Each structure stands twice: as C-alpha cells, then as structure tokens.
Amino acid sequence: LWIHDGELLVGNSGDGYLKRIDLETGAMTNVFSIGAGILDGIRVDQSGNLLVSRWGGELYRVQPDGSVTEILDGETQGWTIADLVFLPGVGLVLFPTFFVNRVRAVRIGDGGG
C-alpha cells in the first residue's frame, strides 16, 4: 500500500494488477499488470514515476504515461524483493532479501522524465 496524490496504490497477489483507488470517490482502476506474481513494494521517485516490486525479484518503473520498464531483475541472483525504500537524494533502492538475511542497496538513478 502507498498513498500518493490523493490515491491509494495497492499491490496484490491475485490478478497481478497494481490498483489505484481514488480516496475521495472510492473509484478503483487498474494501473498496470506484469503478469502473475505478488506485487509488494510501492514508492514514488522524485520524477513522479512509480517504483513497484514483484516478490520474485523484479523492480519496475511505471511512468505517469503508463509505460513500464523493468529496472532490476534480482531473480537471476536469487534475490527476492518485497517491500522497499527509495532514497531520492542518492537514487538508491533498499530492500530485504528474505532467505539470506541481507538488505540490498541498488542505485537506479532518478528515472528521468
């Protein structure tokens, strides 16, 4: 869950869609889907892009126009990515990797516009 600009963003393990709920009207819309899997961490970078993790180990950047880019595939290295923290001043994403008891830090930059 993440609140941004009067909307509640919701990851889920059902249909694979990130959902947006307008907090004023209650209207719900699908933002995007990356297929089956658990959408977990949600943050917004300094350019207004969403950073969304899938528990299998992927991190995505979703631009305001709806375009989606995979910016990290940690699955190839055995990393899971659940919740995350984004440090905009230095362009770092921090996330726990459950099975090896570590916190990873990955520099992703600002995402441009």
PDB file of N, CA and C in Angstrom:
ATOM      1  N   LEU A   1       0.845  -1.184   0.000  1.00  0.00           N
ATOM      2  CA  LEU A   1       0.000   0.000   0.000  1.00  0.00           C
ATOM      3  C   LEU A   1       0.886   1.240   0.000  1.00  0.00           C
ATOM      4  N   TRP A   2       0.439   2.252  -0.756  1.00  0.00           N
ATOM      5  CA  TRP A   2       1.153   3.520  -0.751  1.00  0.00           C
ATOM      6  C   TRP A   2       0.158   4.607  -1.133  1.00  0.00           C
ATOM      7  N   ILE A   3       0.161   5.709  -0.414  1.00  0.00           N
ATOM      8  CA  ILE A   3      -0.721   6.826  -0.742  1.00  0.00           C
ATOM      9  C   ILE A   3       0.084   7.884  -1.468  1.00  0.00           C
ATOM     10  N   HIS A   4      -0.456   8.332  -2.613  1.00  0.00           N
ATOM     11  CA  HIS A   4       0.216   9.342  -3.420  1.00  0.00           C
ATOM     12  C   HIS A   4      -0.823  10.162  -4.169  1.00  0.00           C
ATOM     13  N   ASP A   5      -0.741  11.482  -4.043  1.00  0.00           N
ATOM     14  CA  ASP A   5      -1.633  12.400  -4.752  1.00  0.00           C
ATOM     15  C   ASP A   5      -3.115  12.063  -4.584  1.00  0.00           C
ATOM     16  N   GLY A   6      -3.529  11.772  -3.346  1.00  0.00           N
ATOM     17  CA  GLY A   6      -4.937  11.515  -3.069  1.00  0.00           C
ATOM     18  C   GLY A   6      -5.434  10.160  -3.525  1.00  0.00           C
ATOM     19  N   GLU A   7      -4.509   9.263  -3.833  1.00  0.00           N
ATOM     20  CA  GLU A   7      -4.898   7.932  -4.277  1.00  0.00           C
ATOM     21  C   GLU A   7      -4.156   6.874  -3.463  1.00  0.00           C
ATOM     22  N   LEU A   8      -4.837   5.766  -3.225  1.00  0.00           N
ATOM     23  CA  LEU A   8      -4.235   4.621  -2.559  1.00  0.00           C
ATOM     24  C   LEU A   8      -3.787   3.650  -3.645  1.00  0.00           C
ATOM     25  N   LEU A   9      -2.500   3.335  -3.678  1.00  0.00           N
ATOM     26  CA  LEU A   9      -1.963   2.362  -4.621  1.00  0.00           C
ATOM     27  C   LEU A   9      -1.872   1.026  -3.898  1.00  0.00           C
ATOM     28  N   VAL A  10      -2.350  -0.031  -4.546  1.00  0.00           N
ATOM     29  CA  VAL A  10      -2.456  -1.335  -3.900  1.00  0.00           C
ATOM     30  C   VAL A  10      -1.824  -2.405  -4.775  1.00  0.00           C
ATOM     31  N   GLY A  11      -0.804  -3.071  -4.252  1.00  0.00           N
ATOM     32  CA  GLY A  11      -0.259  -4.263  -4.901  1.00  0.00           C
ATOM     33  C   GLY A  11      -1.059  -5.455  -4.420  1.00  0.00           C
ATOM     34  N   ASN A  12      -0.977  -6.566  -5.144  1.00  0.00           N
ATOM     35  CA  ASN A  12      -1.780  -7.718  -4.732  1.00  0.00           C
ATOM     36  C   ASN A  12      -1.186  -9.010  -5.247  1.00  0.00           C
ATOM     37  N   SER A  13      -1.749 -10.108  -4.791  1.00  0.00           N
ATOM     38  CA  SER A  13      -1.290 -11.419  -5.239  1.00  0.00           C
ATOM     39  C   SER A  13      -2.384 -12.137  -6.014  1.00  0.00           C
ATOM     40  N   GLY A  14      -3.378 -11.409  -6.429  1.00  0.00           N
ATOM     41  CA  GLY A  14      -4.494 -12.016  -7.147  1.00  0.00           C
ATOM     42  C   GLY A  14      -4.323 -11.940  -8.650  1.00  0.00           C
ATOM     43  N   ASP A  15      -4.819 -10.875  -9.231  1.00  0.00           N
ATOM     44  CA  ASP A  15      -4.828 -10.776 -10.692  1.00  0.00           C
ATOM     45  C   ASP A  15      -3.558 -10.145 -11.271  1.00  0.00           C
ATOM     46  N   GLY A  16      -2.596  -9.776 -10.440  1.00  0.00           N
ATOM     47  CA  GLY A  16      -1.335  -9.237 -10.927  1.00  0.00           C
ATOM     48  C   GLY A  16      -1.370  -7.755 -11.276  1.00  0.00           C
ATOM     49  N   TYR A  17      -2.477  -7.075 -11.035  1.00  0.00           N
ATOM     50  CA  TYR A  17      -2.586  -5.647 -11.340  1.00  0.00           C
ATOM     51  C   TYR A  17      -2.233  -4.795 -10.135  1.00  0.00           C
ATOM     52  N   LEU A  18      -1.513  -3.717 -10.384  1.00  0.00           N
ATOM     53  CA  LEU A  18      -1.402  -2.657  -9.394  1.00  0.00           C
ATOM     54  C   LEU A  18      -2.685  -1.854  -9.543  1.00  0.00           C
ATOM     55  N   LYS A  19      -3.344  -1.586  -8.434  1.00  0.00           N
ATOM     56  CA  LYS A  19      -4.619  -0.875  -8.476  1.00  0.00           C
ATOM     57  C   LYS A  19      -4.471   0.503  -7.847  1.00  0.00           C
ATOM     58  N   ARG A  20      -5.295   1.410  -8.336  1.00  0.00           N
ATOM     59  CA  ARG A  20      -5.336   2.787  -7.841  1.00  0.00           C
ATOM     60  C   ARG A  20      -6.758   3.050  -7.357  1.00  0.00           C
ATOM     61  N   ILE A  21      -6.874   3.502  -6.102  1.00  0.00           N
ATOM     62  CA  ILE A  21      -8.184   3.820  -5.545  1.00  0.00           C
ATOM     63  C   ILE A  21      -8.205   5.300  -5.204  1.00  0.00           C
ATOM     64  N   ASP A  22      -9.130   6.031  -5.808  1.00  0.00           N
ATOM     65  CA  ASP A  22      -9.295   7.452  -5.523  1.00  0.00           C
ATOM     66  C   ASP A  22      -9.880   7.571  -4.121  1.00  0.00           C
ATOM     67  N   LEU A  23      -9.168   8.234  -3.217  1.00  0.00           N
ATOM     68  CA  LEU A  23      -9.601   8.312  -1.823  1.00  0.00           C
ATOM     69  C   LEU A  23     -10.836   9.184  -1.627  1.00  0.00           C
ATOM     70  N   GLU A  24     -11.127  10.029  -2.579  1.00  0.00           N
ATOM     71  CA  GLU A  24     -12.310  10.872  -2.461  1.00  0.00           C
ATOM     72  C   GLU A  24     -13.559  10.170  -2.964  1.00  0.00           C
ATOM     73  N   THR A  25     -13.448   9.498  -4.103  1.00  0.00           N
ATOM     74  CA  THR A  25     -14.636   8.885  -4.717  1.00  0.00           C
ATOM     75  C   THR A  25     -14.737   7.385  -4.467  1.00  0.00           C
ATOM     76  N   GLY A  26     -13.631   6.739  -4.129  1.00  0.00           N
ATOM     77  CA  GLY A  26     -13.627   5.289  -3.964  1.00  0.00           C
ATOM     78  C   GLY A  26     -13.501   4.532  -5.271  1.00  0.00           C
ATOM     79  N   ALA A  27     -13.392   5.248  -6.377  1.00  0.00           N
ATOM     80  CA  ALA A  27     -13.272   4.595  -7.687  1.00  0.00           C
ATOM     81  C   ALA A  27     -11.939   3.853  -7.785  1.00  0.00           C
ATOM     82  N   MET A  28     -11.993   2.626  -8.296  1.00  0.00           N
ATOM     83  CA  MET A  28     -10.784   1.811  -8.426  1.00  0.00           C
ATOM     84  C   MET A  28     -10.495   1.560  -9.900  1.00  0.00           C
ATOM     85  N   THR A  29      -9.209   1.705 -10.263  1.00  0.00           N
ATOM     86  CA  THR A  29      -8.782   1.422 -11.624  1.00  0.00           C
ATOM     87  C   THR A  29      -7.512   0.587 -11.580  1.00  0.00           C
ATOM     88  N   ASN A  30      -7.291  -0.166 -12.647  1.00  0.00           N
ATOM     89  CA  ASN A  30      -6.050  -0.911 -12.803  1.00  0.00           C
ATOM     90  C   ASN A  30      -4.998   0.020 -13.386  1.00  0.00           C
ATOM     91  N   VAL A  31      -3.795   0.003 -12.826  1.00  0.00           N
ATOM     92  CA  VAL A  31      -2.707   0.837 -13.320  1.00  0.00           C
ATOM     93  C   VAL A  31      -1.909   0.077 -14.361  1.00  0.00           C
ATOM     94  N   PHE A  32      -1.466  -1.130 -14.020  1.00  0.00           N
ATOM     95  CA  PHE A  32      -0.735  -1.974 -14.953  1.00  0.00           C
ATOM     96  C   PHE A  32      -0.657  -3.379 -14.392  1.00  0.00           C
ATOM     97  N   SER A  33      -0.287  -4.321 -15.252  1.00  0.00           N
ATOM     98  CA  SER A  33      -0.073  -5.697 -14.827  1.00  0.00           C
ATOM     99  C   SER A  33       1.236  -6.195 -15.418  1.00  0.00           C
ATOM    100  N   ILE A  34       1.975  -6.933 -14.622  1.00  0.00           N
ATOM    101  CA  ILE A  34       3.191  -7.570 -15.113  1.00  0.00           C
ATOM    102  C   ILE A  34       3.027  -9.082 -15.061  1.00  0.00           C
ATOM    103  N   GLY A  35       1.789  -9.538 -15.038  1.00  0.00           N
ATOM    104  CA  GLY A  35       1.510 -10.962 -15.008  1.00  0.00           C
ATOM    105  C   GLY A  35       1.388 -11.479 -13.593  1.00  0.00           C
ATOM    106  N   ALA A  36       1.311 -12.794 -13.494  1.00  0.00           N
ATOM    107  CA  ALA A  36       1.123 -13.431 -12.198  1.00  0.00           C
ATOM    108  C   ALA A  36       2.287 -13.115 -11.270  1.00  0.00           C
ATOM    109  N   GLY A  37       1.998 -13.041 -10.007  1.00  0.00           N
ATOM    110  CA  GLY A  37       3.025 -12.778  -9.016  1.00  0.00           C
ATOM    111  C   GLY A  37       2.520 -11.811  -7.970  1.00  0.00           C
ATOM    112  N   ILE A  38       3.295 -11.656  -6.929  1.00  0.00           N
ATOM    113  CA  ILE A  38       2.912 -10.801  -5.809  1.00  0.00           C
ATOM    114  C   ILE A  38       3.546  -9.431  -5.975  1.00  0.00           C
ATOM    115  N   LEU A  39       2.716  -8.421  -6.203  1.00  0.00           N
ATOM    116  CA  LEU A  39       3.197  -7.042  -6.229  1.00  0.00           C
ATOM    117  C   LEU A  39       3.265  -6.578  -4.787  1.00  0.00           C
ATOM    118  N   ASP A  40       4.395  -6.032  -4.390  1.00  0.00           N
ATOM    119  CA  ASP A  40       4.579  -5.773  -2.965  1.00  0.00           C
ATOM    120  C   ASP A  40       4.997  -4.337  -2.699  1.00  0.00           C
ATOM    121  N   GLY A  41       6.259  -4.007  -2.911  1.00  0.00           N
ATOM    122  CA  GLY A  41       6.752  -2.675  -2.580  1.00  0.00           C
ATOM    123  C   GLY A  41       6.283  -1.632  -3.586  1.00  0.00           C
ATOM    124  N   ILE A  42       5.879  -0.481  -3.080  1.00  0.00           N
ATOM    125  CA  ILE A  42       5.438   0.626  -3.932  1.00  0.00           C
ATOM    126  C   ILE A  42       6.008   1.915  -3.365  1.00  0.00           C
ATOM    127  N   ARG A  43       6.674   2.676  -4.198  1.00  0.00           N
ATOM    128  CA  ARG A  43       7.161   4.003  -3.830  1.00  0.00           C
ATOM    129  C   ARG A  43       7.061   4.897  -5.052  1.00  0.00           C
ATOM    130  N   VAL A  44       7.289   6.189  -4.858  1.00  0.00           N
ATOM    131  CA  VAL A  44       7.279   7.148  -5.952  1.00  0.00           C
ATOM    132  C   VAL A  44       8.625   7.841  -5.958  1.00  0.00           C
ATOM    133  N   ASP A  45       9.255   7.908  -7.150  1.00  0.00           N
ATOM    134  CA  ASP A  45      10.555   8.583  -7.219  1.00  0.00           C
ATOM    135  C   ASP A  45      10.361  10.082  -7.409  1.00  0.00           C
ATOM    136  N   GLN A  46      11.451  10.819  -7.433  1.00  0.00           N
ATOM    137  CA  GLN A  46      11.377  12.277  -7.486  1.00  0.00           C
ATOM    138  C   GLN A  46      10.852  12.809  -8.815  1.00  0.00           C
ATOM    139  N   SER A  47      10.739  11.950  -9.823  1.00  0.00           N
ATOM    140  CA  SER A  47      10.191  12.364 -11.116  1.00  0.00           C
ATOM    141  C   SER A  47       8.719  12.005 -11.256  1.00  0.00           C
ATOM    142  N   GLY A  48       8.115  11.446 -10.189  1.00  0.00           N
ATOM    143  CA  GLY A  48       6.700  11.079 -10.234  1.00  0.00           C
ATOM    144  C   GLY A  48       6.434   9.697 -10.794  1.00  0.00           C
ATOM    145  N   ASN A  49       7.483   8.916 -11.041  1.00  0.00           N
ATOM    146  CA  ASN A  49       7.325   7.537 -11.505  1.00  0.00           C
ATOM    147  C   ASN A  49       7.056   6.630 -10.311  1.00  0.00           C
ATOM    148  N   LEU A  50       6.278   5.584 -10.533  1.00  0.00           N
ATOM    149  CA  LEU A  50       6.090   4.578  -9.500  1.00  0.00           C
ATOM    150  C   LEU A  50       7.232   3.579  -9.570  1.00  0.00           C
ATOM    151  N   LEU A  51       7.720   3.155  -8.434  1.00  0.00           N
ATOM    152  CA  LEU A  51       8.661   2.044  -8.326  1.00  0.00           C
ATOM    153  C   LEU A  51       7.889   0.920  -7.671  1.00  0.00           C
ATOM    154  N   VAL A  52       7.779  -0.210  -8.372  1.00  0.00           N
ATOM    155  CA  VAL A  52       6.948  -1.318  -7.898  1.00  0.00           C
ATOM    156  C   VAL A  52       7.760  -2.600  -7.952  1.00  0.00           C
ATOM    157  N   SER A  53       7.745  -3.348  -6.850  1.00  0.00           N
ATOM    158  CA  SER A  53       8.482  -4.618  -6.825  1.00  0.00           C
ATOM    159  C   SER A  53       7.525  -5.791  -6.952  1.00  0.00           C
ATOM    160  N   ARG A  54       8.042  -6.828  -7.577  1.00  0.00           N
ATOM    161  CA  ARG A  54       7.355  -8.120  -7.592  1.00  0.00           C
ATOM    162  C   ARG A  54       8.213  -9.051  -6.759  1.00  0.00           C
ATOM    163  N   TRP A  55       7.563  -9.797  -5.884  1.00  0.00           N
ATOM    164  CA  TRP A  55       8.270 -10.574  -4.878  1.00  0.00           C
ATOM    165  C   TRP A  55       9.283 -11.536  -5.474  1.00  0.00           C
ATOM    166  N   GLY A  56       9.099 -11.975  -6.691  1.00  0.00           N
ATOM    167  CA  GLY A  56      10.040 -12.881  -7.335  1.00  0.00           C
ATOM    168  C   GLY A  56      11.424 -12.293  -7.528  1.00  0.00           C
ATOM    169  N   GLY A  57      11.550 -10.965  -7.461  1.00  0.00           N
ATOM    170  CA  GLY A  57      12.861 -10.340  -7.561  1.00  0.00           C
ATOM    171  C   GLY A  57      12.963  -9.218  -8.568  1.00  0.00           C
ATOM    172  N   GLU A  58      11.841  -8.807  -9.150  1.00  0.00           N
ATOM    173  CA  GLU A  58      11.894  -7.754 -10.156  1.00  0.00           C
ATOM    174  C   GLU A  58      11.472  -6.408  -9.573  1.00  0.00           C
ATOM    175  N   LEU A  59      12.063  -5.352 -10.141  1.00  0.00           N
ATOM    176  CA  LEU A  59      11.697  -3.981  -9.786  1.00  0.00           C
ATOM    177  C   LEU A  59      11.355  -3.257 -11.075  1.00  0.00           C
ATOM    178  N   TYR A  60      10.218  -2.561 -11.067  1.00  0.00           N
ATOM    179  CA  TYR A  60       9.715  -1.879 -12.255  1.00  0.00           C
ATOM    180  C   TYR A  60       9.560  -0.393 -11.993  1.00  0.00           C
ATOM    181  N   ARG A  61       9.726   0.378 -13.068  1.00  0.00           N
ATOM    182  CA  ARG A  61       9.437   1.817 -13.040  1.00  0.00           C
ATOM    183  C   ARG A  61       8.233   2.026 -13.948  1.00  0.00           C
ATOM    184  N   VAL A  62       7.194   2.666 -13.392  1.00  0.00           N
ATOM    185  CA  VAL A  62       5.980   2.953 -14.147  1.00  0.00           C
ATOM    186  C   VAL A  62       5.876   4.464 -14.280  1.00  0.00           C
ATOM    187  N   GLN A  63       6.001   4.948 -15.507  1.00  0.00           N
ATOM    188  CA  GLN A  63       5.946   6.392 -15.738  1.00  0.00           C
ATOM    189  C   GLN A  63       4.499   6.867 -15.732  1.00  0.00           C
ATOM    190  N   PRO A  64       4.276   8.167 -15.506  1.00  0.00           N
ATOM    191  CA  PRO A  64       2.908   8.693 -15.459  1.00  0.00           C
ATOM    192  C   PRO A  64       2.089   8.402 -16.712  1.00  0.00           C
ATOM    193  N   ASP A  65       2.752   8.208 -17.864  1.00  0.00           N
ATOM    194  CA  ASP A  65       2.014   7.879 -19.095  1.00  0.00           C
ATOM    195  C   ASP A  65       1.633   6.404 -19.174  1.00  0.00           C
ATOM    196  N   GLY A  66       2.010   5.604 -18.144  1.00  0.00           N
ATOM    197  CA  GLY A  66       1.659   4.193 -18.092  1.00  0.00           C
ATOM    198  C   GLY A  66       2.707   3.240 -18.634  1.00  0.00           C
ATOM    199  N   SER A  67       3.789   3.763 -19.208  1.00  0.00           N
ATOM    200  CA  SER A  67       4.814   2.862 -19.725  1.00  0.00           C
ATOM    201  C   SER A  67       5.584   2.224 -18.570  1.00  0.00           C
ATOM    202  N   VAL A  68       5.885   0.937 -18.736  1.00  0.00           N
ATOM    203  CA  VAL A  68       6.514   0.138 -17.677  1.00  0.00           C
ATOM    204  C   VAL A  68       7.875  -0.343 -18.168  1.00  0.00           C
ATOM    205  N   THR A  69       8.892  -0.177 -17.310  1.00  0.00           N
ATOM    206  CA  THR A  69      10.241  -0.632 -17.615  1.00  0.00           C
ATOM    207  C   THR A  69      10.757  -1.460 -16.453  1.00  0.00           C
ATOM    208  N   GLU A  70      11.270  -2.648 -16.753  1.00  0.00           N
ATOM    209  CA  GLU A  70      11.924  -3.424 -15.701  1.00  0.00           C
ATOM    210  C   GLU A  70      13.300  -2.811 -15.490  1.00  0.00           C
ATOM    211  N   ILE A  71      13.603  -2.423 -14.248  1.00  0.00           N
ATOM    212  CA  ILE A  71      14.891  -1.789 -13.976  1.00  0.00           C
ATOM    213  C   ILE A  71      15.821  -2.667 -13.143  1.00  0.00           C
ATOM    214  N   LEU A  72      15.297  -3.786 -12.642  1.00  0.00           N
ATOM    215  CA  LEU A  72      16.150  -4.709 -11.895  1.00  0.00           C
ATOM    216  C   LEU A  72      15.535  -6.097 -11.959  1.00  0.00           C
ATOM    217  N   ASP A  73      16.372  -7.087 -12.266  1.00  0.00           N
ATOM    218  CA  ASP A  73      15.942  -8.481 -12.209  1.00  0.00           C
ATOM    219  C   ASP A  73      16.827  -9.197 -11.208  1.00  0.00           C
ATOM    220  N   GLY A  74      16.418  -9.148  -9.952  1.00  0.00           N
ATOM    221  CA  GLY A  74      17.185  -9.780  -8.889  1.00  0.00           C
ATOM    222  C   GLY A  74      16.977 -11.279  -8.823  1.00  0.00           C
ATOM    223  N   GLU A  75      15.949 -11.769  -9.519  1.00  0.00           N
ATOM    224  CA  GLU A  75      15.671 -13.204  -9.506  1.00  0.00           C
ATOM    225  C   GLU A  75      16.863 -14.002 -10.029  1.00  0.00           C
ATOM    226  N   THR A  76      17.566 -13.466 -11.003  1.00  0.00           N
ATOM    227  CA  THR A  76      18.716 -14.166 -11.571  1.00  0.00           C
ATOM    228  C   THR A  76      19.835 -14.338 -10.546  1.00  0.00           C
ATOM    229  N   GLN A  77      19.810 -13.499  -9.491  1.00  0.00           N
ATOM    230  CA  GLN A  77      20.825 -13.577  -8.450  1.00  0.00           C
ATOM    231  C   GLN A  77      20.267 -14.184  -7.157  1.00  0.00           C
ATOM    232  N   GLY A  78      19.043 -14.691  -7.232  1.00  0.00           N
ATOM    233  CA  GLY A  78      18.437 -15.308  -6.061  1.00  0.00           C
ATOM    234  C   GLY A  78      17.873 -14.325  -5.058  1.00  0.00           C
ATOM    235  N   TRP A  79      17.643 -13.089  -5.474  1.00  0.00           N
ATOM    236  CA  TRP A  79      17.099 -12.072  -4.580  1.00  0.00           C
ATOM    237  C   TRP A  79      15.580 -12.061  -4.672  1.00  0.00           C
ATOM    238  N   THR A  80      14.943 -11.889  -3.557  1.00  0.00           N
ATOM    239  CA  THR A  80      13.526 -11.545  -3.534  1.00  0.00           C
ATOM    240  C   THR A  80      13.453 -10.050  -3.257  1.00  0.00           C
ATOM    241  N   ILE A  81      12.407  -9.420  -3.699  1.00  0.00           N
ATOM    242  CA  ILE A  81      12.203  -8.001  -3.391  1.00  0.00           C
ATOM    243  C   ILE A  81      10.777  -7.855  -2.896  1.00  0.00           C
ATOM    244  N   ALA A  82      10.634  -7.620  -1.622  1.00  0.00           N
ATOM    245  CA  ALA A  82       9.303  -7.414  -1.069  1.00  0.00           C
ATOM    246  C   ALA A  82       9.092  -5.908  -0.957  1.00  0.00           C
ATOM    247  N   ASP A  83       8.963  -5.432   0.242  1.00  0.00           N
ATOM    248  CA  ASP A  83       8.822  -4.000   0.422  1.00  0.00           C
ATOM    249  C   ASP A  83      10.151  -3.345   0.090  1.00  0.00           C
ATOM    250  N   LEU A  84      10.143  -2.057  -0.108  1.00  0.00           N
ATOM    251  CA  LEU A  84      11.368  -1.353  -0.463  1.00  0.00           C
ATOM    252  C   LEU A  84      11.329   0.061   0.078  1.00  0.00           C
ATOM    253  N   VAL A  85      12.500   0.662   0.090  1.00  0.00           N
ATOM    254  CA  VAL A  85      12.648   2.071   0.446  1.00  0.00           C
ATOM    255  C   VAL A  85      13.421   2.716  -0.686  1.00  0.00           C
ATOM    256  N   PHE A  86      13.010   3.907  -1.089  1.00  0.00           N
ATOM    257  CA  PHE A  86      13.730   4.646  -2.120  1.00  0.00           C
ATOM    258  C   PHE A  86      14.300   5.906  -1.502  1.00  0.00           C
ATOM    259  N   LEU A  87      15.599   6.131  -1.707  1.00  0.00           N
ATOM    260  CA  LEU A  87      16.275   7.340  -1.223  1.00  0.00           C
ATOM    261  C   LEU A  87      16.532   8.243  -2.419  1.00  0.00           C
ATOM    262  N   PRO A  88      15.648   9.222  -2.642  1.00  0.00           N
ATOM    263  CA  PRO A  88      15.735  10.021  -3.862  1.00  0.00           C
ATOM    264  C   PRO A  88      17.005  10.855  -3.995  1.00  0.00           C
ATOM    265  N   GLY A  89      17.556  11.325  -2.901  1.00  0.00           N
ATOM    266  CA  GLY A  89      18.751  12.163  -2.975  1.00  0.00           C
ATOM    267  C   GLY A  89      19.953  11.460  -3.586  1.00  0.00           C
ATOM    268  N   VAL A  90      19.986  10.138  -3.468  1.00  0.00           N
ATOM    269  CA  VAL A  90      21.118   9.370  -3.976  1.00  0.00           C
ATOM    270  C   VAL A  90      20.693   8.303  -4.985  1.00  0.00           C
ATOM    271  N   GLY A  91      19.375   8.208  -5.281  1.00  0.00           N
ATOM    272  CA  GLY A  91      18.891   7.261  -6.276  1.00  0.00           C
ATOM    273  C   GLY A  91      19.081   5.811  -5.883  1.00  0.00           C
ATOM    274  N   LEU A  92      18.916   5.505  -4.596  1.00  0.00           N
ATOM    275  CA  LEU A  92      19.101   4.135  -4.118  1.00  0.00           C
ATOM    276  C   LEU A  92      17.770   3.501  -3.729  1.00  0.00           C
ATOM    277  N   VAL A  93      17.638   2.223  -4.077  1.00  0.00           N
ATOM    278  CA  VAL A  93      16.540   1.406  -3.583  1.00  0.00           C
ATOM    279  C   VAL A  93      17.144   0.424  -2.588  1.00  0.00           C
ATOM    280  N   LEU A  94      16.524   0.315  -1.418  1.00  0.00           N
ATOM    281  CA  LEU A  94      16.939  -0.642  -0.391  1.00  0.00           C
ATOM    282  C   LEU A  94      15.813  -1.640  -0.199  1.00  0.00           C
ATOM    283  N   PHE A  95      16.172  -2.933  -0.131  1.00  0.00           N
ATOM    284  CA  PHE A  95      15.149  -3.951   0.064  1.00  0.00           C
ATOM    285  C   PHE A  95      15.740  -5.164   0.776  1.00  0.00           C
ATOM    286  N   PRO A  96      14.912  -5.844   1.592  1.00  0.00           N
ATOM    287  CA  PRO A  96      15.380  -7.064   2.252  1.00  0.00           C
ATOM    288  C   PRO A  96      15.359  -8.229   1.270  1.00  0.00           C
ATOM    289  N   THR A  97      16.300  -9.143   1.422  1.00  0.00           N
ATOM    290  CA  THR A  97      16.297 -10.398   0.661  1.00  0.00           C
ATOM    291  C   THR A  97      16.080 -11.502   1.676  1.00  0.00           C
ATOM    292  N   PHE A  98      14.857 -11.896   1.846  1.00  0.00           N
ATOM    293  CA  PHE A  98      14.421 -12.734   2.955  1.00  0.00           C
ATOM    294  C   PHE A  98      15.294 -13.937   3.260  1.00  0.00           C
ATOM    295  N   PHE A  99      15.660 -14.703   2.289  1.00  0.00           N
ATOM    296  CA  PHE A  99      16.253 -16.004   2.551  1.00  0.00           C
ATOM    297  C   PHE A  99      17.735 -15.960   2.885  1.00  0.00           C
ATOM    298  N   VAL A 100      18.389 -14.823   2.701  1.00  0.00           N
ATOM    299  CA  VAL A 100      19.809 -14.736   3.041  1.00  0.00           C
ATOM    300  C   VAL A 100      20.088 -13.690   4.107  1.00  0.00           C
ATOM    301  N   ASN A 101      19.030 -13.168   4.731  1.00  0.00           N
ATOM    302  CA  ASN A 101      19.156 -12.214   5.837  1.00  0.00           C
ATOM    303  C   ASN A 101      20.062 -11.041   5.507  1.00  0.00           C
ATOM    304  N   ARG A 102      19.806 -10.411   4.382  1.00  0.00           N
ATOM    305  CA  ARG A 102      20.579  -9.237   3.971  1.00  0.00           C
ATOM    306  C   ARG A 102      19.639  -8.136   3.494  1.00  0.00           C
ATOM    307  N   VAL A 103      20.161  -6.928   3.535  1.00  0.00           N
ATOM    308  CA  VAL A 103      19.483  -5.798   2.906  1.00  0.00           C
ATOM    309  C   VAL A 103      20.356  -5.385   1.733  1.00  0.00           C
ATOM    310  N   ARG A 104      19.753  -5.282   0.573  1.00  0.00           N
ATOM    311  CA  ARG A 104      20.482  -4.889  -0.639  1.00  0.00           C
ATOM    312  C   ARG A 104      20.214  -3.424  -0.937  1.00  0.00           C
ATOM    313  N   ALA A 105      21.222  -2.768  -1.486  1.00  0.00           N
ATOM    314  CA  ALA A 105      21.086  -1.386  -1.951  1.00  0.00           C
ATOM    315  C   ALA A 105      21.493  -1.367  -3.412  1.00  0.00           C
ATOM    316  N   VAL A 106      20.616  -0.847  -4.253  1.00  0.00           N
ATOM    317  CA  VAL A 106      20.876  -0.787  -5.692  1.00  0.00           C
ATOM    318  C   VAL A 106      20.625   0.631  -6.168  1.00  0.00           C
ATOM    319  N   ARG A 107      21.602   1.211  -6.853  1.00  0.00           N
ATOM    320  CA  ARG A 107      21.437   2.565  -7.400  1.00  0.00           C
ATOM    321  C   ARG A 107      20.678   2.473  -8.710  1.00  0.00           C
ATOM    322  N   ILE A 108      19.559   3.192  -8.799  1.00  0.00           N
ATOM    323  CA  ILE A 108      18.753   3.164 -10.013  1.00  0.00           C
ATOM    324  C   ILE A 108      18.690   4.509 -10.717  1.00  0.00           C
ATOM    325  N   GLY A 109      19.215   5.538 -10.116  1.00  0.00           N
ATOM    326  CA  GLY A 109      19.130   6.854 -10.722  1.00  0.00           C
ATOM    327  C   GLY A 109      17.767   7.477 -10.531  1.00  0.00           C
ATOM    328  N   ASP A 110      17.524   8.572 -11.237  1.00  0.00           N
ATOM    329  CA  ASP A 110      16.290   9.322 -10.994  1.00  0.00           C
ATOM    330  C   ASP A 110      15.139   8.958 -11.919  1.00  0.00           C
ATOM    331  N   GLY A 111      15.373   8.214 -12.957  1.00  0.00           N
ATOM    332  CA  GLY A 111      14.290   7.813 -13.840  1.00  0.00           C
ATOM    333  C   GLY A 111      13.951   8.818 -14.899  1.00  0.00           C
ATOM    334  N   GLY A 112      14.551   9.975 -14.818  1.00  0.00           N
ATOM    335  CA  GLY A 112      14.344  10.964 -15.872  1.00  0.00           C
ATOM    336  C   GLY A 112      12.898  11.306 -16.069  1.00  0.00           C
ATOM    337  N   GLY A 113      12.583  11.889 -17.126  1.00  0.00           N
ATOM    338  CA  GLY A 113      11.195  12.226 -17.405  1.00  0.00           C
ATOM    339  C   GLY A 113      11.028  12.145 -18.807  1.00  0.00           C
TER     340      GLY A 113
END
